[in-house]
PDB file of N, CA and C in Angstrom:
ATOM      1  N   MET A   1      18.729  -5.576  21.406  1.00  0.00           N
ATOM      2  CA  MET A   1      17.632  -6.228  20.500  1.00  0.00           C
ATOM      3  C   MET A   1      16.632  -5.345  19.837  1.00  0.00           C
ATOM      4  N   GLU A   2      16.689  -4.165  20.716  1.00  0.00           N
ATOM      5  CA  GLU A   2      16.045  -3.008  20.234  1.00  0.00           C
ATOM      6  C   GLU A   2      16.632  -2.130  18.955  1.00  0.00           C
ATOM      7  N   GLU A   3      17.926  -2.325  19.107  1.00  0.00           N
ATOM      8  CA  GLU A   3      18.465  -1.695  17.862  1.00  0.00           C
ATOM      9  C   GLU A   3      18.120  -2.553  16.466  1.00  0.00           C
ATOM     10  N   LEU A   4      17.998  -3.838  16.538  1.00  0.00           N
ATOM     11  CA  LEU A   4      17.386  -4.749  15.593  1.00  0.00           C
ATOM     12  C   LEU A   4      16.243  -4.679  14.954  1.00  0.00           C
ATOM     13  N   ILE A   5      15.097  -3.855  15.719  1.00  0.00           N
ATOM     14  CA  ILE A   5      14.084  -3.898  15.832  1.00  0.00           C
ATOM     15  C   ILE A   5      13.884  -2.455  15.332  1.00  0.00           C
ATOM     16  N   GLU A   6      14.630  -1.584  15.489  1.00  0.00           N
ATOM     17  CA  GLU A   6      14.736  -0.178  14.826  1.00  0.00           C
ATOM     18  C   GLU A   6      14.894  -0.231  13.409  1.00  0.00           C
ATOM     19  N   LYS A   7      16.234  -1.408  13.219  1.00  0.00           N
ATOM     20  CA  LYS A   7      16.632  -1.375  11.851  1.00  0.00           C
ATOM     21  C   LYS A   7      15.632  -2.080  11.093  1.00  0.00           C
ATOM     22  N   ILE A   8      14.879  -2.904  11.495  1.00  0.00           N
ATOM     23  CA  ILE A   8      13.801  -3.226  10.615  1.00  0.00           C
ATOM     24  C   ILE A   8      12.812  -2.709  10.357  1.00  0.00           C
ATOM     25  N   GLU A   9      12.416  -2.008  11.336  1.00  0.00           N
ATOM     26  CA  GLU A   9      11.579  -1.084  10.978  1.00  0.00           C
ATOM     27  C   GLU A   9      11.985   0.087   9.850  1.00  0.00           C
ATOM     28  N   GLN A  10      12.808   0.176  10.243  1.00  0.00           N
ATOM     29  CA  GLN A  10      13.468   1.378   9.004  1.00  0.00           C
ATOM     30  C   GLN A  10      14.016   0.450   7.750  1.00  0.00           C
ATOM     31  N   LEU A  11      14.050  -0.563   7.611  1.00  0.00           N
ATOM     32  CA  LEU A  11      14.155  -1.095   6.368  1.00  0.00           C
ATOM     33  C   LEU A  11      12.886  -1.612   5.770  1.00  0.00           C
ATOM     34  N   LYS A  12      11.809  -1.703   6.736  1.00  0.00           N
ATOM     35  CA  LYS A  12      10.100  -1.197   6.038  1.00  0.00           C
ATOM     36  C   LYS A  12      10.050  -0.528   5.564  1.00  0.00           C
ATOM     37  N   LYS A  13      10.640   0.635   6.005  1.00  0.00           N
ATOM     38  CA  LYS A  13       9.897   2.172   5.947  1.00  0.00           C
ATOM     39  C   LYS A  13      10.309   2.472   4.311  1.00  0.00           C
ATOM     40  N   GLU A  14      11.864   2.105   4.544  1.00  0.00           N
ATOM     41  CA  GLU A  14      12.730   2.133   2.984  1.00  0.00           C
ATOM     42  C   GLU A  14      12.162   1.252   2.072  1.00  0.00           C
ATOM     43  N   ILE A  15      11.597   0.087   2.076  1.00  0.00           N
ATOM     44  CA  ILE A  15      11.039  -0.302   1.270  1.00  0.00           C
ATOM     45  C   ILE A  15       9.595  -0.003   0.965  1.00  0.00           C
ATOM     46  N   SER A  16       8.811   0.424   1.797  1.00  0.00           N
ATOM     47  CA  SER A  16       7.315   1.080   1.416  1.00  0.00           C
ATOM     48  C   SER A  16       7.748   2.274   0.593  1.00  0.00           C
ATOM     49  N   SER A  17       8.767   3.255   0.702  1.00  0.00           N
ATOM     50  CA  SER A  17       8.922   4.242   0.172  1.00  0.00           C
ATOM     51  C   SER A  17       9.383   4.034  -0.953  1.00  0.00           C
ATOM     52  N   SER A  18       9.858   2.959  -1.695  1.00  0.00           N
ATOM     53  CA  SER A  18      10.332   2.662  -2.763  1.00  0.00           C
ATOM     54  C   SER A  18       9.758   3.104  -3.835  1.00  0.00           C
ATOM     55  N   ASP A  19      10.048   3.232  -5.032  1.00  0.00           N
ATOM     56  CA  ASP A  19       9.617   3.634  -6.100  1.00  0.00           C
ATOM     57  C   ASP A  19       8.701   2.404  -7.016  1.00  0.00           C
ATOM     58  N   ILE A  20       9.111   1.024  -6.711  1.00  0.00           N
ATOM     59  CA  ILE A  20       8.982  -0.551  -7.222  1.00  0.00           C
ATOM     60  C   ILE A  20       7.945  -0.216  -6.456  1.00  0.00           C
ATOM     61  N   VAL A  21       7.659   0.012  -5.283  1.00  0.00           N
ATOM     62  CA  VAL A  21       6.270  -0.289  -4.231  1.00  0.00           C
ATOM     63  C   VAL A  21       5.121   0.517  -4.459  1.00  0.00           C
ATOM     64  N   GLU A  22       5.366   1.667  -5.067  1.00  0.00           N
ATOM     65  CA  GLU A  22       4.592   2.691  -5.125  1.00  0.00           C
ATOM     66  C   GLU A  22       3.951   2.371  -6.518  1.00  0.00           C
ATOM     67  N   GLU A  23       5.139   2.144  -7.322  1.00  0.00           N
ATOM     68  CA  GLU A  23       4.512   1.928  -8.880  1.00  0.00           C
ATOM     69  C   GLU A  23       3.560   0.600  -8.633  1.00  0.00           C
ATOM     70  N   LEU A  24       3.910  -0.381  -7.912  1.00  0.00           N
ATOM     71  CA  LEU A  24       3.342  -1.547  -7.792  1.00  0.00           C
ATOM     72  C   LEU A  24       1.618  -1.137  -7.496  1.00  0.00           C
ATOM     73  N   GLN A  25       1.502  -0.408  -6.145  1.00  0.00           N
ATOM     74  CA  GLN A  25       0.387   0.396  -6.002  1.00  0.00           C
ATOM     75  C   GLN A  25      -0.678   1.205  -6.793  1.00  0.00           C
ATOM     76  N   LYS A  26       0.091   1.697  -7.540  1.00  0.00           N
ATOM     77  CA  LYS A  26      -0.270   2.584  -8.401  1.00  0.00           C
ATOM     78  C   LYS A  26      -1.110   1.451  -9.677  1.00  0.00           C
ATOM     79  N   ARG A  27      -0.108   0.466 -10.063  1.00  0.00           N
ATOM     80  CA  ARG A  27      -0.649  -0.659 -10.811  1.00  0.00           C
ATOM     81  C   ARG A  27      -1.739  -1.054 -10.663  1.00  0.00           C
ATOM     82  N   LYS A  28      -2.020  -1.793  -8.709  1.00  0.00           N
ATOM     83  CA  LYS A  28      -2.994  -1.879  -8.243  1.00  0.00           C
ATOM     84  C   LYS A  28      -4.200  -1.537  -8.280  1.00  0.00           C
ATOM     85  N   GLU A  29      -4.261  -0.111  -8.179  1.00  0.00           N
ATOM     86  CA  GLU A  29      -5.443   0.928  -8.279  1.00  0.00           C
ATOM     87  C   GLU A  29      -6.008   1.003  -9.573  1.00  0.00           C
ATOM     88  N   GLU A  30      -5.019   0.951 -10.431  1.00  0.00           N
ATOM     89  CA  GLU A  30      -5.425   1.195 -11.805  1.00  0.00           C
ATOM     90  C   GLU A  30      -6.370  -0.307 -12.137  1.00  0.00           C
ATOM     91  N   VAL A  31      -6.052  -1.517 -11.497  1.00  0.00           N
ATOM     92  CA  VAL A  31      -6.951  -2.539 -11.797  1.00  0.00           C
ATOM     93  C   VAL A  31      -8.038  -2.248 -11.303  1.00  0.00           C
ATOM     94  N   MET A  32      -8.041  -1.853  -9.849  1.00  0.00           N
ATOM     95  CA  MET A  32      -9.140  -2.334  -9.119  1.00  0.00           C
ATOM     96  C   MET A  32     -10.169  -1.251  -9.569  1.00  0.00           C
ATOM     97  N   ASN A  33      -9.769   0.136 -10.169  1.00  0.00           N
ATOM     98  CA  ASN A  33     -10.568   1.077 -10.819  1.00  0.00           C
ATOM     99  C   ASN A  33     -10.879   0.765 -11.788  1.00  0.00           C
ATOM    100  N   ASP A  34     -10.835  -0.592 -12.773  1.00  0.00           N
ATOM    101  CA  ASP A  34     -11.222  -0.900 -13.665  1.00  0.00           C
ATOM    102  C   ASP A  34     -12.460  -1.874 -13.711  1.00  0.00           C
ATOM    103  N   SER A  35     -13.138  -1.349 -13.746  1.00  0.00           N
ATOM    104  CA  SER A  35     -14.591  -1.841 -13.010  1.00  0.00           C
ATOM    105  C   SER A  35     -14.937  -3.027 -14.344  1.00  0.00           C
ATOM    106  N   SER A  36     -14.752  -3.076 -15.226  1.00  0.00           N
ATOM    107  CA  SER A  36     -15.061  -4.134 -16.331  1.00  0.00           C
ATOM    108  C   SER A  36     -14.052  -5.500 -15.798  1.00  0.00           C
ATOM    109  N   LEU A  37     -12.955  -5.220 -15.699  1.00  0.00           N
ATOM    110  CA  LEU A  37     -12.060  -5.912 -15.103  1.00  0.00           C
ATOM    111  C   LEU A  37     -12.523  -6.777 -13.822  1.00  0.00           C
ATOM    112  N   VAL A  38     -12.635  -5.917 -12.776  1.00  0.00           N
ATOM    113  CA  VAL A  38     -12.903  -6.354 -11.461  1.00  0.00           C
ATOM    114  C   VAL A  38     -14.252  -7.445 -11.839  1.00  0.00           C
ATOM    115  N   ALA A  39     -15.365  -6.985 -12.440  1.00  0.00           N
ATOM    116  CA  ALA A  39     -16.136  -7.908 -12.990  1.00  0.00           C
ATOM    117  C   ALA A  39     -15.767  -9.254 -13.570  1.00  0.00           C
ATOM    118  N   LYS A  40     -15.407  -9.007 -14.374  1.00  0.00           N
ATOM    119  CA  LYS A  40     -14.574 -10.566 -14.670  1.00  0.00           C
ATOM    120  C   LYS A  40     -13.976 -11.208 -13.732  1.00  0.00           C
ATOM    121  N   ILE A  41     -13.020 -10.814 -12.831  1.00  0.00           N
ATOM    122  CA  ILE A  41     -12.240 -11.207 -12.060  1.00  0.00           C
ATOM    123  C   ILE A  41     -13.250 -12.025 -11.070  1.00  0.00           C
ATOM    124  N   GLU A  42     -14.228 -11.107 -10.818  1.00  0.00           N
ATOM    125  CA  GLU A  42     -15.587 -11.831  -9.689  1.00  0.00           C
ATOM    126  C   GLU A  42     -16.154 -12.895 -10.269  1.00  0.00           C
ATOM    127  N   GLU A  43     -16.553 -12.468 -11.882  1.00  0.00           N
ATOM    128  CA  GLU A  43     -17.111 -13.744 -12.053  1.00  0.00           C
ATOM    129  C   GLU A  43     -16.059 -14.717 -12.264  1.00  0.00           C
ATOM    130  N   TYR A  44     -15.040 -14.810 -12.579  1.00  0.00           N
ATOM    131  CA  TYR A  44     -14.031 -15.767 -12.864  1.00  0.00           C
ATOM    132  C   TYR A  44     -13.862 -16.632 -11.377  1.00  0.00           C
ATOM    133  N   LYS A  45     -14.159 -16.022 -10.321  1.00  0.00           N
ATOM    134  CA  LYS A  45     -13.597 -16.451  -8.854  1.00  0.00           C
ATOM    135  C   LYS A  45     -15.039 -17.392  -8.967  1.00  0.00           C
ATOM    136  N   LYS A  46     -15.929 -16.966  -9.499  1.00  0.00           N
ATOM    137  CA  LYS A  46     -17.559 -17.748  -9.361  1.00  0.00           C
ATOM    138  C   LYS A  46     -17.517 -18.991 -10.271  1.00  0.00           C
ATOM    139  N   TYR A  47     -17.454 -18.438 -11.188  1.00  0.00           N
ATOM    140  CA  TYR A  47     -17.429 -19.575 -12.546  1.00  0.00           C
ATOM    141  C   TYR A  47     -16.055 -19.513 -13.013  1.00  0.00           C
ATOM    142  N   PRO A  48     -15.147 -20.563 -12.926  1.00  0.00           N
ATOM    143  CA  PRO A  48     -13.896 -20.175 -13.503  1.00  0.00           C
ATOM    144  C   PRO A  48     -14.046 -20.875 -15.118  1.00  0.00           C
ATOM    145  N   ARG A  49     -13.557 -20.233 -16.108  1.00  0.00           N
ATOM    146  CA  ARG A  49     -13.451 -20.452 -17.322  1.00  0.00           C
ATOM    147  C   ARG A  49     -11.821 -20.193 -18.317  1.00  0.00           C
ATOM    148  N   GLU A  50     -11.339 -20.643 -18.812  1.00  0.00           N
ATOM    149  CA  GLU A  50     -10.440 -20.574 -19.564  1.00  0.00           C
ATOM    150  C   GLU A  50     -10.160 -19.372 -20.440  1.00  0.00           C
ATOM    151  N   SER A  51     -11.254 -18.920 -21.189  1.00  0.00           N
ATOM    152  CA  SER A  51     -11.575 -17.906 -21.973  1.00  0.00           C
ATOM    153  C   SER A  51     -11.662 -16.660 -21.229  1.00  0.00           C
ATOM    154  N   LEU A  52     -12.329 -16.660 -19.822  1.00  0.00           N
ATOM    155  CA  LEU A  52     -12.535 -15.539 -19.098  1.00  0.00           C
ATOM    156  C   LEU A  52     -10.966 -15.088 -18.486  1.00  0.00           C
ATOM    157  N   LYS A  53     -10.584 -16.179 -18.089  1.00  0.00           N
ATOM    158  CA  LYS A  53      -9.034 -16.349 -17.582  1.00  0.00           C
ATOM    159  C   LYS A  53      -8.013 -15.308 -18.763  1.00  0.00           C
ATOM    160  N   LYS A  54      -8.224 -15.977 -20.054  1.00  0.00           N
ATOM    161  CA  LYS A  54      -7.332 -15.292 -21.199  1.00  0.00           C
ATOM    162  C   LYS A  54      -7.891 -13.794 -21.188  1.00  0.00           C
ATOM    163  N   GLU A  55      -9.000 -13.527 -21.221  1.00  0.00           N
ATOM    164  CA  GLU A  55      -9.493 -11.773 -21.072  1.00  0.00           C
ATOM    165  C   GLU A  55      -8.708 -11.397 -20.099  1.00  0.00           C
ATOM    166  N   ILE A  56      -9.173 -11.749 -18.735  1.00  0.00           N
ATOM    167  CA  ILE A  56      -8.466 -11.123 -17.543  1.00  0.00           C
ATOM    168  C   ILE A  56      -6.640 -10.748 -17.703  1.00  0.00           C
ATOM    169  N   THR A  57      -6.201 -12.069 -18.140  1.00  0.00           N
ATOM    170  CA  THR A  57      -4.728 -11.960 -18.348  1.00  0.00           C
ATOM    171  C   THR A  57      -4.342 -11.207 -19.667  1.00  0.00           C
ATOM    172  N   SER A  58      -5.357 -11.064 -20.419  1.00  0.00           N
ATOM    173  CA  SER A  58      -4.167  -9.889 -21.580  1.00  0.00           C
ATOM    174  C   SER A  58      -4.804  -8.536 -21.124  1.00  0.00           C
ATOM    175  N   SER A  59      -5.813  -8.209 -20.146  1.00  0.00           N
ATOM    176  CA  SER A  59      -5.944  -6.860 -20.101  1.00  0.00           C
ATOM    177  C   SER A  59      -4.754  -6.007 -19.903  1.00  0.00           C
ATOM    178  N   PRO A  60      -4.379  -4.674 -20.484  1.00  0.00           N
ATOM    179  CA  PRO A  60      -3.488  -3.874 -20.243  1.00  0.00           C
ATOM    180  C   PRO A  60      -2.803  -3.450 -18.883  1.00  0.00           C
ATOM    181  N   SER A  61      -3.944  -3.196 -18.045  1.00  0.00           N
ATOM    182  CA  SER A  61      -3.835  -3.103 -16.572  1.00  0.00           C
ATOM    183  C   SER A  61      -3.558  -4.053 -15.860  1.00  0.00           C
ATOM    184  N   PHE A  62      -3.841  -5.429 -16.013  1.00  0.00           N
ATOM    185  CA  PHE A  62      -3.504  -6.421 -15.150  1.00  0.00           C
ATOM    186  C   PHE A  62      -2.053  -7.137 -15.508  1.00  0.00           C
ATOM    187  N   LEU A  63      -1.940  -6.603 -16.838  1.00  0.00           N
ATOM    188  CA  LEU A  63      -0.651  -7.121 -17.650  1.00  0.00           C
ATOM    189  C   LEU A  63       0.904  -6.140 -16.688  1.00  0.00           C
ATOM    190  N   ALA A  64       0.371  -4.826 -16.753  1.00  0.00           N
ATOM    191  CA  ALA A  64       1.215  -3.985 -15.734  1.00  0.00           C
ATOM    192  C   ALA A  64       1.467  -4.422 -14.459  1.00  0.00           C
ATOM    193  N   TYR A  65       0.395  -4.266 -13.875  1.00  0.00           N
ATOM    194  CA  TYR A  65       0.394  -4.926 -12.556  1.00  0.00           C
ATOM    195  C   TYR A  65       0.981  -6.446 -12.250  1.00  0.00           C
ATOM    196  N   LYS A  66       1.177  -7.384 -12.769  1.00  0.00           N
ATOM    197  CA  LYS A  66       1.409  -8.432 -12.856  1.00  0.00           C
ATOM    198  C   LYS A  66       3.231  -8.294 -13.276  1.00  0.00           C
ATOM    199  N   GLU A  67       3.776  -7.198 -14.137  1.00  0.00           N
ATOM    200  CA  GLU A  67       4.960  -7.064 -14.458  1.00  0.00           C
ATOM    201  C   GLU A  67       5.073  -6.232 -13.012  1.00  0.00           C
ATOM    202  N   MET A  68       5.016  -5.726 -12.306  1.00  0.00           N
ATOM    203  CA  MET A  68       5.372  -4.746 -11.090  1.00  0.00           C
ATOM    204  C   MET A  68       5.272  -6.063 -10.024  1.00  0.00           C
ATOM    205  N   GLU A  69       4.437  -6.519 -10.093  1.00  0.00           N
ATOM    206  CA  GLU A  69       4.526  -7.867  -9.062  1.00  0.00           C
ATOM    207  C   GLU A  69       5.721  -8.558  -9.191  1.00  0.00           C
ATOM    208  N   THR A  70       6.125  -9.105 -10.605  1.00  0.00           N
ATOM    209  CA  THR A  70       7.505  -9.892 -10.634  1.00  0.00           C
ATOM    210  C   THR A  70       8.519  -8.980 -10.114  1.00  0.00           C
ATOM    211  N   GLU A  71       8.630  -7.773 -10.427  1.00  0.00           N
ATOM    212  CA  GLU A  71       9.671  -7.104  -9.909  1.00  0.00           C
ATOM    213  C   GLU A  71       9.805  -6.871  -8.367  1.00  0.00           C
ATOM    214  N   ILE A  72       8.473  -6.826  -7.628  1.00  0.00           N
ATOM    215  CA  ILE A  72       8.631  -7.032  -6.191  1.00  0.00           C
ATOM    216  C   ILE A  72       9.255  -8.356  -5.961  1.00  0.00           C
ATOM    217  N   ASP A  73       8.807  -9.064  -6.537  1.00  0.00           N
ATOM    218  CA  ASP A  73       9.331 -10.610  -6.210  1.00  0.00           C
ATOM    219  C   ASP A  73      11.118 -10.651  -6.429  1.00  0.00           C
ATOM    220  N   LEU A  74      11.672 -10.333  -7.217  1.00  0.00           N
ATOM    221  CA  LEU A  74      12.769  -9.813  -7.426  1.00  0.00           C
ATOM    222  C   LEU A  74      13.544  -9.312  -6.237  1.00  0.00           C
ATOM    223  N   LEU A  75      12.775  -8.060  -6.098  1.00  0.00           N
ATOM    224  CA  LEU A  75      13.321  -7.236  -4.860  1.00  0.00           C
ATOM    225  C   LEU A  75      13.528  -8.308  -3.712  1.00  0.00           C
ATOM    226  N   ILE A  76      12.126  -9.100  -3.495  1.00  0.00           N
ATOM    227  CA  ILE A  76      12.196  -9.876  -2.111  1.00  0.00           C
ATOM    228  C   ILE A  76      13.207 -11.051  -2.367  1.00  0.00           C
ATOM    229  N   LEU A  77      13.823 -11.503  -3.438  1.00  0.00           N
ATOM    230  CA  LEU A  77      14.730 -12.380  -3.798  1.00  0.00           C
ATOM    231  C   LEU A  77      16.205 -12.090  -3.165  1.00  0.00           C
ATOM    232  N   GLN A  78      16.326 -10.788  -3.762  1.00  0.00           N
ATOM    233  CA  GLN A  78      17.698 -10.185  -3.267  1.00  0.00           C
ATOM    234  C   GLN A  78      18.126  -9.896  -1.895  1.00  0.00           C
ATOM    235  N   ILE A  79      16.858  -9.101  -1.347  1.00  0.00           N
ATOM    236  CA  ILE A  79      16.837  -9.064   0.251  1.00  0.00           C
ATOM    237  C   ILE A  79      17.027 -10.322   0.880  1.00  0.00           C
ATOM    238  N   ASN A  80      16.252 -11.578   0.393  1.00  0.00           N
ATOM    239  CA  ASN A  80      16.722 -12.651   0.845  1.00  0.00           C
ATOM    240  C   ASN A  80      17.995 -13.033   0.689  1.00  0.00           C
ATOM    241  N   GLN A  81      18.566 -13.311  -0.430  1.00  0.00           N
ATOM    242  CA  GLN A  81      19.608 -13.218  -0.711  1.00  0.00           C
ATOM    243  C   GLN A  81      21.109 -12.621   0.494  1.00  0.00           C
ATOM    244  N   GLU A  82      20.872 -11.350   0.529  1.00  0.00           N
ATOM    245  CA  GLU A  82      21.453 -10.710   1.579  1.00  0.00           C
ATOM    246  C   GLU A  82      21.238 -11.001   3.103  1.00  0.00           C
ATOM    247  N   PHE A  83      20.184 -11.710   3.136  1.00  0.00           N
ATOM    248  CA  PHE A  83      19.820 -11.828   4.532  1.00  0.00           C
ATOM    249  C   PHE A  83      20.718 -13.021   4.761  1.00  0.00           C
ATOM    250  N   LYS A  84      21.037 -13.847   3.836  1.00  0.00           N
ATOM    251  CA  LYS A  84      21.281 -15.337   3.573  1.00  0.00           C
ATOM    252  C   LYS A  84      23.090 -14.764   4.122  1.00  0.00           C
ATOM    253  N   LYS A  85      23.483 -14.101   3.426  1.00  0.00           N
ATOM    254  CA  LYS A  85      24.756 -13.815   3.958  1.00  0.00           C
ATOM    255  C   LYS A  85      25.518 -13.356   4.959  1.00  0.00           C
ATOM    256  N   ILE A  86      24.273 -12.283   5.828  1.00  0.00           N
ATOM    257  CA  ILE A  86      24.483 -12.097   6.767  1.00  0.00           C
ATOM    258  C   ILE A  86      24.322 -12.769   7.634  1.00  0.00           C
ATOM    259  N   ARG A  87      23.450 -14.035   7.959  1.00  0.00           N
ATOM    260  CA  ARG A  87      23.178 -14.907   8.699  1.00  0.00           C
ATOM    261  C   ARG A  87      24.536 -16.163   8.733  1.00  0.00           C
ATOM    262  N   LYS A  88      24.997 -16.337   7.424  1.00  0.00           N
ATOM    263  CA  LYS A  88      26.530 -17.043   7.445  1.00  0.00           C
ATOM    264  C   LYS A  88      27.473 -16.107   8.509  1.00  0.00           C
ATOM    265  N   ASN A  89      27.736 -15.161   8.671  1.00  0.00           N
ATOM    266  CA  ASN A  89      28.573 -14.172   9.334  1.00  0.00           C
ATOM    267  C   ASN A  89      28.010 -14.603  10.624  1.00  0.00           C
ATOM    268  N   TYR A  90      26.767 -14.350  11.176  1.00  0.00           N
ATOM    269  CA  TYR A  90      26.569 -14.332  12.465  1.00  0.00           C
ATOM    270  C   TYR A  90      25.535 -15.514  13.365  1.00  0.00           C
ATOM    271  N   ASP A  91      25.641 -16.734  12.665  1.00  0.00           N
ATOM    272  CA  ASP A  91      25.062 -17.549  12.829  1.00  0.00           C
ATOM    273  C   ASP A  91      25.322 -18.306  14.140  1.00  0.00           C
ATOM    274  N   CYS A  92      24.493 -18.432  14.723  1.00  0.00           N
ATOM    275  CA  CYS A  92      24.507 -19.094  16.383  1.00  0.00           C
ATOM    276  C   CYS A  92      24.394 -20.026  16.428  1.00  0.00           C
ATOM    277  N   ARG A  93      25.060 -21.008  16.391  1.00  0.00           N
ATOM    278  CA  ARG A  93      25.261 -22.462  16.722  1.00  0.00           C
ATOM    279  C   ARG A  93      25.590 -22.896  18.221  1.00  0.00           C
TER     280      ARG A  93
END
């Protein structure tokens, strides 16, 4: 069991240091450093309007962040598929 925990920690460390995760964090920082975009997001949380949503989603920094978020989602999907393959081989019933 301890070996499994070590392997999971190793996997988490590998994922955290991967280029795609680092790029996502960089894009998130860009969004958070864009004060006008953050202000629009805060305003949208209080008073949702379609026009404000369009302004937010058309922001270049927001689009870059969402693109990286999609890449992370695809990575998670791949990891889950690999886990399913492993589970088929070692299913305890």
